Amino acid sequence: MHHACNCRSFPSLSISYLYTVDLALLLGILRLYRYASVLVSVWLSASFVFLVCSVGIMYHFSLLFTACCMLVRYPWPEDLCSSC
């Protein structure tokens, strides 16, 4: 009798336990998805900033190199600017 009562109360307990586990899993997946989206957006913005900075640095160095070549070319003889 006690065993039958225990068996009767078991399914509702297991169903509520399963709902709790499903809810916890769903919340964990949503939290992971939020963290992943934040990480992906941070990674994309960092790579975009890195790309812009590298292009800007290369452009800046080419401008400096051109200015140095012009400075070297005009006051001094031509053989100093042959490396350009």
PDB file of N, CA and C in Angstrom:
ATOM      1  N   MET A   1       0.844  -1.195   0.000  1.00  0.00           N
ATOM      2  CA  MET A   1       0.000   0.000   0.000  1.00  0.00           C
ATOM      3  C   MET A   1       0.881   1.247   0.000  1.00  0.00           C
ATOM      4  N   HIS A   2       1.848   1.256   0.879  1.00  0.00           N
ATOM      5  CA  HIS A   2       2.745   2.386   0.948  1.00  0.00           C
ATOM      6  C   HIS A   2       3.563   2.490  -0.350  1.00  0.00           C
ATOM      7  N   HIS A   3       3.919   1.319  -0.891  1.00  0.00           N
ATOM      8  CA  HIS A   3       4.677   1.303  -2.136  1.00  0.00           C
ATOM      9  C   HIS A   3       3.842   1.860  -3.288  1.00  0.00           C
ATOM     10  N   ALA A   4       2.535   1.513  -3.331  1.00  0.00           N
ATOM     11  CA  ALA A   4       1.650   2.005  -4.392  1.00  0.00           C
ATOM     12  C   ALA A   4       1.484   3.520  -4.271  1.00  0.00           C
ATOM     13  N   CYS A   5       1.375   4.023  -3.031  1.00  0.00           N
ATOM     14  CA  CYS A   5       1.233   5.460  -2.813  1.00  0.00           C
ATOM     15  C   CYS A   5       2.497   6.183  -3.292  1.00  0.00           C
ATOM     16  N   ASN A   6       3.618   5.561  -3.007  1.00  0.00           N
ATOM     17  CA  ASN A   6       4.883   6.142  -3.440  1.00  0.00           C
ATOM     18  C   ASN A   6       4.967   6.165  -4.968  1.00  0.00           C
ATOM     19  N   CYS A   7       4.491   5.109  -5.615  1.00  0.00           N
ATOM     20  CA  CYS A   7       4.522   5.050  -7.072  1.00  0.00           C
ATOM     21  C   CYS A   7       3.568   6.057  -7.685  1.00  0.00           C
ATOM     22  N   ARG A   8       2.436   6.306  -6.997  1.00  0.00           N
ATOM     23  CA  ARG A   8       1.465   7.248  -7.535  1.00  0.00           C
ATOM     24  C   ARG A   8       1.998   8.688  -7.433  1.00  0.00           C
ATOM     25  N   SER A   9       2.715   9.006  -6.378  1.00  0.00           N
ATOM     26  CA  SER A   9       3.210  10.367  -6.224  1.00  0.00           C
ATOM     27  C   SER A   9       4.503  10.590  -7.023  1.00  0.00           C
ATOM     28  N   PHE A  10       5.077   9.516  -7.517  1.00  0.00           N
ATOM     29  CA  PHE A  10       6.355   9.648  -8.212  1.00  0.00           C
ATOM     30  C   PHE A  10       6.243  10.381  -9.557  1.00  0.00           C
ATOM     31  N   PRO A  11       5.247  10.092 -10.424  1.00  0.00           N
ATOM     32  CA  PRO A  11       5.241  10.735 -11.744  1.00  0.00           C
ATOM     33  C   PRO A  11       5.113  12.264 -11.685  1.00  0.00           C
ATOM     34  N   SER A  12       4.274  12.783 -10.781  1.00  0.00           N
ATOM     35  CA  SER A  12       4.126  14.232 -10.725  1.00  0.00           C
ATOM     36  C   SER A  12       5.436  14.877 -10.263  1.00  0.00           C
ATOM     37  N   LEU A  13       6.117  14.219  -9.319  1.00  0.00           N
ATOM     38  CA  LEU A  13       7.388  14.730  -8.850  1.00  0.00           C
ATOM     39  C   LEU A  13       8.417  14.702  -9.969  1.00  0.00           C
ATOM     40  N   SER A  14       8.442  13.621 -10.741  1.00  0.00           N
ATOM     41  CA  SER A  14       9.427  13.515 -11.816  1.00  0.00           C
ATOM     42  C   SER A  14       9.109  14.533 -12.922  1.00  0.00           C
ATOM     43  N   ILE A  15       7.820  14.769 -13.182  1.00  0.00           N
ATOM     44  CA  ILE A  15       7.451  15.731 -14.226  1.00  0.00           C
ATOM     45  C   ILE A  15       7.844  17.143 -13.801  1.00  0.00           C
ATOM     46  N   SER A  16       7.606  17.474 -12.542  1.00  0.00           N
ATOM     47  CA  SER A  16       8.008  18.808 -12.075  1.00  0.00           C
ATOM     48  C   SER A  16       9.532  18.926 -12.076  1.00  0.00           C
ATOM     49  N   TYR A  17      10.208  17.818 -11.736  1.00  0.00           N
ATOM     50  CA  TYR A  17      11.671  17.829 -11.768  1.00  0.00           C
ATOM     51  C   TYR A  17      12.177  18.025 -13.191  1.00  0.00           C
ATOM     52  N   LEU A  18      11.523  17.346 -14.142  1.00  0.00           N
ATOM     53  CA  LEU A  18      11.919  17.493 -15.539  1.00  0.00           C
ATOM     54  C   LEU A  18      11.661  18.908 -16.032  1.00  0.00           C
ATOM     55  N   TYR A  19      10.529  19.490 -15.628  1.00  0.00           N
ATOM     56  CA  TYR A  19      10.258  20.873 -16.009  1.00  0.00           C
ATOM     57  C   TYR A  19      11.315  21.815 -15.440  1.00  0.00           C
ATOM     58  N   THR A  20      11.693  21.560 -14.186  1.00  0.00           N
ATOM     59  CA  THR A  20      12.723  22.407 -13.567  1.00  0.00           C
ATOM     60  C   THR A  20      14.040  22.262 -14.299  1.00  0.00           C
ATOM     61  N   VAL A  21      14.407  21.015 -14.657  1.00  0.00           N
ATOM     62  CA  VAL A  21      15.660  20.784 -15.372  1.00  0.00           C
ATOM     63  C   VAL A  21      15.610  21.438 -16.749  1.00  0.00           C
ATOM     64  N   ASP A  22      14.451  21.293 -17.438  1.00  0.00           N
ATOM     65  CA  ASP A  22      14.312  21.920 -18.749  1.00  0.00           C
ATOM     66  C   ASP A  22      14.403  23.435 -18.646  1.00  0.00           C
ATOM     67  N   LEU A  23      13.791  24.003 -17.636  1.00  0.00           N
ATOM     68  CA  LEU A  23      13.847  25.448 -17.454  1.00  0.00           C
ATOM     69  C   LEU A  23      15.267  25.907 -17.163  1.00  0.00           C
ATOM     70  N   ALA A  24      15.958  25.131 -16.307  1.00  0.00           N
ATOM     71  CA  ALA A  24      17.344  25.488 -15.994  1.00  0.00           C
ATOM     72  C   ALA A  24      18.224  25.367 -17.241  1.00  0.00           C
ATOM     73  N   LEU A  25      17.998  24.314 -18.040  1.00  0.00           N
ATOM     74  CA  LEU A  25      18.765  24.155 -19.270  1.00  0.00           C
ATOM     75  C   LEU A  25      18.476  25.276 -20.251  1.00  0.00           C
ATOM     76  N   LEU A  26      17.185  25.641 -20.350  1.00  0.00           N
ATOM     77  CA  LEU A  26      16.812  26.708 -21.264  1.00  0.00           C
ATOM     78  C   LEU A  26      17.418  28.034 -20.835  1.00  0.00           C
ATOM     79  N   LEU A  27      17.381  28.298 -19.528  1.00  0.00           N
ATOM     80  CA  LEU A  27      17.984  29.535 -19.024  1.00  0.00           C
ATOM     81  C   LEU A  27      19.494  29.533 -19.237  1.00  0.00           C
ATOM     82  N   GLY A  28      20.118  28.365 -19.023  1.00  0.00           N
ATOM     83  CA  GLY A  28      21.557  28.278 -19.252  1.00  0.00           C
ATOM     84  C   GLY A  28      21.920  28.483 -20.708  1.00  0.00           C
ATOM     85  N   ILE A  29      21.105  27.900 -21.611  1.00  0.00           N
ATOM     86  CA  ILE A  29      21.365  28.066 -23.039  1.00  0.00           C
ATOM     87  C   ILE A  29      21.162  29.518 -23.445  1.00  0.00           C
ATOM     88  N   LEU A  30      20.117  30.165 -22.905  1.00  0.00           N
ATOM     89  CA  LEU A  30      19.889  31.579 -23.215  1.00  0.00           C
ATOM     90  C   LEU A  30      21.026  32.440 -22.681  1.00  0.00           C
ATOM     91  N   ARG A  31      21.489  32.122 -21.476  1.00  0.00           N
ATOM     92  CA  ARG A  31      22.596  32.885 -20.901  1.00  0.00           C
ATOM     93  C   ARG A  31      23.866  32.699 -21.722  1.00  0.00           C
ATOM     94  N   LEU A  32      24.124  31.434 -22.135  1.00  0.00           N
ATOM     95  CA  LEU A  32      25.281  31.170 -22.984  1.00  0.00           C
ATOM     96  C   LEU A  32      25.152  31.879 -24.314  1.00  0.00           C
ATOM     97  N   TYR A  33      23.915  31.902 -24.866  1.00  0.00           N
ATOM     98  CA  TYR A  33      23.710  32.577 -26.145  1.00  0.00           C
ATOM     99  C   TYR A  33      23.946  34.072 -26.004  1.00  0.00           C
ATOM    100  N   ARG A  34      23.520  34.637 -24.873  1.00  0.00           N
ATOM    101  CA  ARG A  34      23.739  36.065 -24.650  1.00  0.00           C
ATOM    102  C   ARG A  34      25.224  36.363 -24.509  1.00  0.00           C
ATOM    103  N   TYR A  35      25.920  35.516 -23.734  1.00  0.00           N
ATOM    104  CA  TYR A  35      27.366  35.702 -23.598  1.00  0.00           C
ATOM    105  C   TYR A  35      28.069  35.506 -24.938  1.00  0.00           C
ATOM    106  N   ALA A  36      27.607  34.518 -25.725  1.00  0.00           N
ATOM    107  CA  ALA A  36      28.231  34.265 -27.023  1.00  0.00           C
ATOM    108  C   ALA A  36      27.993  35.433 -27.965  1.00  0.00           C
ATOM    109  N   SER A  37      26.774  36.000 -27.948  1.00  0.00           N
ATOM    110  CA  SER A  37      26.508  37.136 -28.825  1.00  0.00           C
ATOM    111  C   SER A  37      27.336  38.344 -28.406  1.00  0.00           C
ATOM    112  N   VAL A  38      27.493  38.537 -27.094  1.00  0.00           N
ATOM    113  CA  VAL A  38      28.339  39.636 -26.612  1.00  0.00           C
ATOM    114  C   VAL A  38      29.785  39.414 -27.040  1.00  0.00           C
ATOM    115  N   LEU A  39      30.255  38.158 -26.895  1.00  0.00           N
ATOM    116  CA  LEU A  39      31.634  37.846 -27.291  1.00  0.00           C
ATOM    117  C   LEU A  39      31.838  38.031 -28.780  1.00  0.00           C
ATOM    118  N   VAL A  40      30.847  37.603 -29.583  1.00  0.00           N
ATOM    119  CA  VAL A  40      30.964  37.741 -31.035  1.00  0.00           C
ATOM    120  C   VAL A  40      30.955  39.212 -31.428  1.00  0.00           C
ATOM    121  N   SER A  41      30.094  40.014 -30.788  1.00  0.00           N
ATOM    122  CA  SER A  41      30.061  41.438 -31.128  1.00  0.00           C
ATOM    123  C   SER A  41      31.350  42.125 -30.693  1.00  0.00           C
ATOM    124  N   VAL A  42      31.879  41.741 -29.528  1.00  0.00           N
ATOM    125  CA  VAL A  42      33.153  42.312 -29.082  1.00  0.00           C
ATOM    126  C   VAL A  42      34.276  41.918 -30.030  1.00  0.00           C
ATOM    127  N   TRP A  43      34.268  40.629 -30.450  1.00  0.00           N
ATOM    128  CA  TRP A  43      35.306  40.167 -31.370  1.00  0.00           C
ATOM    129  C   TRP A  43      35.213  40.878 -32.708  1.00  0.00           C
ATOM    130  N   LEU A  44      33.974  41.067 -33.217  1.00  0.00           N
ATOM    131  CA  LEU A  44      33.803  41.743 -34.496  1.00  0.00           C
ATOM    132  C   LEU A  44      34.227  43.198 -34.406  1.00  0.00           C
ATOM    133  N   SER A  45      33.849  43.872 -33.325  1.00  0.00           N
ATOM    134  CA  SER A  45      34.240  45.275 -33.188  1.00  0.00           C
ATOM    135  C   SER A  45      35.747  45.402 -33.003  1.00  0.00           C
ATOM    136  N   ALA A  46      36.351  44.456 -32.260  1.00  0.00           N
ATOM    137  CA  ALA A  46      37.798  44.510 -32.069  1.00  0.00           C
ATOM    138  C   ALA A  46      38.530  44.250 -33.382  1.00  0.00           C
ATOM    139  N   SER A  47      38.035  43.296 -34.177  1.00  0.00           N
ATOM    140  CA  SER A  47      38.688  43.030 -35.460  1.00  0.00           C
ATOM    141  C   SER A  47      38.493  44.205 -36.417  1.00  0.00           C
ATOM    142  N   PHE A  48      37.318  44.849 -36.359  1.00  0.00           N
ATOM    143  CA  PHE A  48      37.076  46.026 -37.203  1.00  0.00           C
ATOM    144  C   PHE A  48      38.004  47.166 -36.806  1.00  0.00           C
ATOM    145  N   VAL A  49      38.138  47.389 -35.488  1.00  0.00           N
ATOM    146  CA  VAL A  49      39.040  48.436 -34.999  1.00  0.00           C
ATOM    147  C   VAL A  49      40.481  48.117 -35.385  1.00  0.00           C
ATOM    148  N   PHE A  50      40.855  46.824 -35.271  1.00  0.00           N
ATOM    149  CA  PHE A  50      42.210  46.422 -35.633  1.00  0.00           C
ATOM    150  C   PHE A  50      42.455  46.639 -37.125  1.00  0.00           C
ATOM    151  N   LEU A  51      41.455  46.311 -37.948  1.00  0.00           N
ATOM    152  CA  LEU A  51      41.590  46.499 -39.392  1.00  0.00           C
ATOM    153  C   LEU A  51      41.729  47.980 -39.731  1.00  0.00           C
ATOM    154  N   VAL A  52      40.864  48.801 -39.137  1.00  0.00           N
ATOM    155  CA  VAL A  52      40.919  50.245 -39.388  1.00  0.00           C
ATOM    156  C   VAL A  52      42.253  50.816 -38.916  1.00  0.00           C
ATOM    157  N   CYS A  53      42.701  50.371 -37.731  1.00  0.00           N
ATOM    158  CA  CYS A  53      43.963  50.871 -37.199  1.00  0.00           C
ATOM    159  C   CYS A  53      45.137  50.428 -38.056  1.00  0.00           C
ATOM    160  N   SER A  54      45.123  49.181 -38.522  1.00  0.00           N
ATOM    161  CA  SER A  54      46.251  48.723 -39.336  1.00  0.00           C
ATOM    162  C   SER A  54      46.273  49.448 -40.673  1.00  0.00           C
ATOM    163  N   VAL A  55      45.088  49.665 -41.271  1.00  0.00           N
ATOM    164  CA  VAL A  55      45.037  50.409 -42.532  1.00  0.00           C
ATOM    165  C   VAL A  55      45.490  51.849 -42.308  1.00  0.00           C
ATOM    166  N   GLY A  56      45.034  52.449 -41.198  1.00  0.00           N
ATOM    167  CA  GLY A  56      45.449  53.816 -40.895  1.00  0.00           C
ATOM    168  C   GLY A  56      46.937  53.926 -40.615  1.00  0.00           C
ATOM    169  N   ILE A  57      47.481  52.914 -39.915  1.00  0.00           N
ATOM    170  CA  ILE A  57      48.919  52.928 -39.615  1.00  0.00           C
ATOM    171  C   ILE A  57      49.735  52.743 -40.901  1.00  0.00           C
ATOM    172  N   MET A  58      49.274  51.836 -41.773  1.00  0.00           N
ATOM    173  CA  MET A  58      49.992  51.648 -43.044  1.00  0.00           C
ATOM    174  C   MET A  58      49.923  52.913 -43.894  1.00  0.00           C
ATOM    175  N   TYR A  59      48.738  53.553 -43.920  1.00  0.00           N
ATOM    176  CA  TYR A  59      48.590  54.790 -44.682  1.00  0.00           C
ATOM    177  C   TYR A  59      49.472  55.889 -44.088  1.00  0.00           C
ATOM    178  N   HIS A  60      49.493  55.960 -42.773  1.00  0.00           N
ATOM    179  CA  HIS A  60      50.313  56.956 -42.087  1.00  0.00           C
ATOM    180  C   HIS A  60      51.797  56.734 -42.381  1.00  0.00           C
ATOM    181  N   PHE A  61      52.230  55.455 -42.344  1.00  0.00           N
ATOM    182  CA  PHE A  61      53.627  55.167 -42.618  1.00  0.00           C
ATOM    183  C   PHE A  61      53.987  55.431 -44.077  1.00  0.00           C
ATOM    184  N   SER A  62      53.033  55.159 -44.980  1.00  0.00           N
ATOM    185  CA  SER A  62      53.325  55.460 -46.385  1.00  0.00           C
ATOM    186  C   SER A  62      53.420  56.967 -46.591  1.00  0.00           C
ATOM    187  N   LEU A  63      52.570  57.729 -45.900  1.00  0.00           N
ATOM    188  CA  LEU A  63      52.673  59.188 -45.973  1.00  0.00           C
ATOM    189  C   LEU A  63      54.003  59.659 -45.403  1.00  0.00           C
ATOM    190  N   LEU A  64      54.397  59.100 -44.255  1.00  0.00           N
ATOM    191  CA  LEU A  64      55.678  59.470 -43.664  1.00  0.00           C
ATOM    192  C   LEU A  64      56.835  59.097 -44.580  1.00  0.00           C
ATOM    193  N   PHE A  65      56.718  57.922 -45.199  1.00  0.00           N
ATOM    194  CA  PHE A  65      57.775  57.456 -46.092  1.00  0.00           C
ATOM    195  C   PHE A  65      57.879  58.365 -47.321  1.00  0.00           C
ATOM    196  N   THR A  66      56.695  58.756 -47.849  1.00  0.00           N
ATOM    197  CA  THR A  66      56.698  59.664 -48.997  1.00  0.00           C
ATOM    198  C   THR A  66      57.264  61.024 -48.614  1.00  0.00           C
ATOM    199  N   ALA A  67      56.887  61.523 -47.443  1.00  0.00           N
ATOM    200  CA  ALA A  67      57.405  62.812 -46.991  1.00  0.00           C
ATOM    201  C   ALA A  67      58.907  62.734 -46.763  1.00  0.00           C
ATOM    202  N   CYS A  68      59.380  61.617 -46.211  1.00  0.00           N
ATOM    203  CA  CYS A  68      60.814  61.435 -45.993  1.00  0.00           C
ATOM    204  C   CYS A  68      61.540  61.372 -47.325  1.00  0.00           C
ATOM    205  N   CYS A  69      60.945  60.683 -48.281  1.00  0.00           N
ATOM    206  CA  CYS A  69      61.560  60.605 -49.604  1.00  0.00           C
ATOM    207  C   CYS A  69      61.633  61.977 -50.242  1.00  0.00           C
ATOM    208  N   MET A  70      60.562  62.755 -50.109  1.00  0.00           N
ATOM    209  CA  MET A  70      60.557  64.094 -50.687  1.00  0.00           C
ATOM    210  C   MET A  70      61.595  64.967 -49.982  1.00  0.00           C
ATOM    211  N   LEU A  71      61.674  64.831 -48.645  1.00  0.00           N
ATOM    212  CA  LEU A  71      62.669  65.609 -47.899  1.00  0.00           C
ATOM    213  C   LEU A  71      64.080  65.205 -48.286  1.00  0.00           C
ATOM    214  N   VAL A  72      64.266  63.886 -48.489  1.00  0.00           N
ATOM    215  CA  VAL A  72      65.596  63.402 -48.850  1.00  0.00           C
ATOM    216  C   VAL A  72      65.903  63.769 -50.299  1.00  0.00           C
ATOM    217  N   ARG A  73      64.887  63.694 -51.158  1.00  0.00           N
ATOM    218  CA  ARG A  73      65.140  63.875 -52.587  1.00  0.00           C
ATOM    219  C   ARG A  73      65.534  65.317 -52.898  1.00  0.00           C
ATOM    220  N   TYR A  74      64.848  66.281 -52.302  1.00  0.00           N
ATOM    221  CA  TYR A  74      65.079  67.649 -52.755  1.00  0.00           C
ATOM    222  C   TYR A  74      66.336  68.294 -52.187  1.00  0.00           C
ATOM    223  N   PRO A  75      66.620  68.216 -50.889  1.00  0.00           N
ATOM    224  CA  PRO A  75      67.839  68.911 -50.462  1.00  0.00           C
ATOM    225  C   PRO A  75      69.121  68.165 -50.816  1.00  0.00           C
ATOM    226  N   TRP A  76      69.064  66.835 -50.934  1.00  0.00           N
ATOM    227  CA  TRP A  76      70.290  66.069 -51.123  1.00  0.00           C
ATOM    228  C   TRP A  76      70.347  65.456 -52.514  1.00  0.00           C
ATOM    229  N   PRO A  77      71.469  64.919 -52.887  1.00  0.00           N
ATOM    230  CA  PRO A  77      71.562  64.306 -54.225  1.00  0.00           C
ATOM    231  C   PRO A  77      70.642  63.102 -54.389  1.00  0.00           C
ATOM    232  N   GLU A  78      70.526  62.655 -55.605  1.00  0.00           N
ATOM    233  CA  GLU A  78      69.540  61.635 -55.965  1.00  0.00           C
ATOM    234  C   GLU A  78      69.913  60.251 -55.436  1.00  0.00           C
ATOM    235  N   ASP A  79      71.177  59.977 -55.197  1.00  0.00           N
ATOM    236  CA  ASP A  79      71.566  58.617 -54.809  1.00  0.00           C
ATOM    237  C   ASP A  79      71.087  58.262 -53.409  1.00  0.00           C
ATOM    238  N   LEU A  80      70.830  59.267 -52.565  1.00  0.00           N
ATOM    239  CA  LEU A  80      70.285  58.972 -51.244  1.00  0.00           C
ATOM    240  C   LEU A  80      68.843  58.492 -51.337  1.00  0.00           C
ATOM    241  N   CYS A  81      68.124  58.928 -52.376  1.00  0.00           N
ATOM    242  CA  CYS A  81      66.718  58.534 -52.485  1.00  0.00           C
ATOM    243  C   CYS A  81      66.531  57.350 -53.421  1.00  0.00           C
ATOM    244  N   SER A  82      67.602  56.690 -53.805  1.00  0.00           N
ATOM    245  CA  SER A  82      67.444  55.528 -54.675  1.00  0.00           C
ATOM    246  C   SER A  82      66.785  54.362 -53.921  1.00  0.00           C
ATOM    247  N   SER A  83      66.885  54.370 -52.581  1.00  0.00           N
ATOM    248  CA  SER A  83      66.240  53.314 -51.799  1.00  0.00           C
ATOM    249  C   SER A  83      64.728  53.445 -51.840  1.00  0.00           C
ATOM    250  N   CYS A  84      64.228  54.649 -52.143  1.00  0.00           N
ATOM    251  CA  CYS A  84      62.772  54.820 -52.263  1.00  0.00           C
ATOM    252  C   CYS A  84      62.307  54.278 -53.603  1.00  0.00           C
TER     253      CYS A  84
END
